[in-house]
Amino acid sequence: MVPTVRHADYIGSWLEVLRDDDRAIIRAASAASKAADYLLAFQADEDGPEAPSGPAIPASAPESQRAASVP
């Protein structure tokens, strides 16, 4: 198997699709967004319950504020 560079063919195929259907790019972007969300959900699952759930309290915050943020 020999890889080939076919950028012009790829762009040409998208141009043909867009000429026939001007909303195709919207549907493609929506599908890509859903795919990214699906994949990112696996990363969130791997982070587990010890992952921070709220805004981080900076180390420079007063001790009373940092202690109050501990569950």
C-alpha atoms as a PDB file:
ATOM      1  CA  MET A   1       0.000   0.000   0.000  1.00  0.00           C
ATOM      2  CA  VAL A   2       1.472   3.334  -1.080  1.00  0.00           C
ATOM      3  CA  PRO A   3       0.163   6.534   0.538  1.00  0.00           C
ATOM      4  CA  THR A   4      -0.730   9.361  -1.817  1.00  0.00           C
ATOM      5  CA  VAL A   5      -1.414  13.015  -1.226  1.00  0.00           C
ATOM      6  CA  ARG A   6      -4.770  13.969  -2.685  1.00  0.00           C
ATOM      7  CA  HIS A   7      -5.597  17.273  -1.047  1.00  0.00           C
ATOM      8  CA  ALA A   8      -7.111  18.722  -4.228  1.00  0.00           C
ATOM      9  CA  ASP A   9      -9.398  15.701  -4.625  1.00  0.00           C
ATOM     10  CA  TYR A  10     -10.525  16.001  -1.003  1.00  0.00           C
ATOM     11  CA  ILE A  11     -11.296  19.715  -1.300  1.00  0.00           C
ATOM     12  CA  GLY A  12     -12.961  19.117  -4.659  1.00  0.00           C
ATOM     13  CA  SER A  13     -15.277  16.513  -3.154  1.00  0.00           C
ATOM     14  CA  TRP A  14     -16.329  18.980  -0.424  1.00  0.00           C
ATOM     15  CA  LEU A  15     -16.915  21.718  -2.995  1.00  0.00           C
ATOM     16  CA  GLU A  16     -19.167  19.392  -4.966  1.00  0.00           C
ATOM     17  CA  VAL A  17     -21.157  18.510  -1.844  1.00  0.00           C
ATOM     18  CA  LEU A  18     -21.500  22.189  -0.878  1.00  0.00           C
ATOM     19  CA  ARG A  19     -22.667  23.164  -4.367  1.00  0.00           C
ATOM     20  CA  ASP A  20     -25.442  20.585  -4.107  1.00  0.00           C
ATOM     21  CA  ASP A  21     -26.341  21.252  -0.453  1.00  0.00           C
ATOM     22  CA  ASP A  22     -25.397  24.518   1.250  1.00  0.00           C
ATOM     23  CA  ARG A  23     -26.239  23.133   4.730  1.00  0.00           C
ATOM     24  CA  ALA A  24     -23.963  20.100   4.440  1.00  0.00           C
ATOM     25  CA  ILE A  25     -21.151  21.862   6.286  1.00  0.00           C
ATOM     26  CA  ILE A  26     -23.523  22.600   9.195  1.00  0.00           C
ATOM     27  CA  ARG A  27     -24.502  18.939   9.453  1.00  0.00           C
ATOM     28  CA  ALA A  28     -20.857  17.851   9.209  1.00  0.00           C
ATOM     29  CA  ALA A  29     -19.830  20.289  11.950  1.00  0.00           C
ATOM     30  CA  SER A  30     -22.694  19.101  14.154  1.00  0.00           C
ATOM     31  CA  ALA A  31     -21.690  15.464  13.682  1.00  0.00           C
ATOM     32  CA  ALA A  32     -18.057  16.326  14.464  1.00  0.00           C
ATOM     33  CA  SER A  33     -19.114  18.133  17.637  1.00  0.00           C
ATOM     34  CA  LYS A  34     -21.188  15.151  18.783  1.00  0.00           C
ATOM     35  CA  ALA A  35     -18.257  12.812  18.075  1.00  0.00           C
ATOM     36  CA  ALA A  36     -15.900  15.020  20.092  1.00  0.00           C
ATOM     37  CA  ASP A  37     -18.358  15.152  23.014  1.00  0.00           C
ATOM     38  CA  TYR A  38     -18.687  11.353  22.895  1.00  0.00           C
ATOM     39  CA  LEU A  39     -14.914  10.880  23.026  1.00  0.00           C
ATOM     40  CA  LEU A  40     -14.427  13.502  25.739  1.00  0.00           C
ATOM     41  CA  ALA A  41     -16.981  11.688  27.910  1.00  0.00           C
ATOM     42  CA  PHE A  42     -14.555   8.753  28.112  1.00  0.00           C
ATOM     43  CA  GLN A  43     -11.813  11.065  29.349  1.00  0.00           C
ATOM     44  CA  ALA A  44     -14.146  12.466  32.019  1.00  0.00           C
ATOM     45  CA  ASP A  45     -14.941   8.905  33.152  1.00  0.00           C
ATOM     46  CA  GLU A  46     -11.220   8.131  33.474  1.00  0.00           C
ATOM     47  CA  ASP A  47     -10.683  11.189  35.677  1.00  0.00           C
ATOM     48  CA  GLY A  48     -12.865   9.543  38.319  1.00  0.00           C
ATOM     49  CA  PRO A  49     -14.466  11.023  41.427  1.00  0.00           C
ATOM     50  CA  GLU A  50     -11.258  12.684  42.610  1.00  0.00           C
ATOM     51  CA  ALA A  51     -11.396  15.148  39.722  1.00  0.00           C
ATOM     52  CA  PRO A  52     -12.173  18.717  40.808  1.00  0.00           C
ATOM     53  CA  SER A  53     -15.839  19.526  40.509  1.00  0.00           C
ATOM     54  CA  GLY A  54     -15.759  23.252  41.070  1.00  0.00           C
ATOM     55  CA  PRO A  55     -13.521  26.260  40.715  1.00  0.00           C
ATOM     56  CA  ALA A  56     -10.059  25.842  42.178  1.00  0.00           C
ATOM     57  CA  ILE A  57      -9.136  27.888  45.244  1.00  0.00           C
ATOM     58  CA  PRO A  58      -5.720  29.462  44.654  1.00  0.00           C
ATOM     59  CA  ALA A  59      -2.956  28.647  47.147  1.00  0.00           C
ATOM     60  CA  SER A  60      -2.625  32.372  47.789  1.00  0.00           C
ATOM     61  CA  ALA A  61      -6.190  32.513  49.184  1.00  0.00           C
ATOM     62  CA  PRO A  62      -6.543  33.032  52.945  1.00  0.00           C
ATOM     63  CA  GLU A  63      -6.393  29.809  54.997  1.00  0.00           C
ATOM     64  CA  SER A  64     -10.002  30.248  56.147  1.00  0.00           C
ATOM     65  CA  GLN A  65     -11.219  30.316  52.540  1.00  0.00           C
ATOM     66  CA  ARG A  66      -9.158  27.256  51.573  1.00  0.00           C
ATOM     67  CA  ALA A  67     -10.345  25.286  54.617  1.00  0.00           C
ATOM     68  CA  ALA A  68     -13.977  26.171  53.907  1.00  0.00           C
ATOM     69  CA  SER A  69     -13.707  24.697  50.438  1.00  0.00           C
ATOM     70  CA  VAL A  70     -12.785  21.198  51.679  1.00  0.00           C
ATOM     71  CA  PRO A  71     -15.832  18.892  51.563  1.00  0.00           C
END
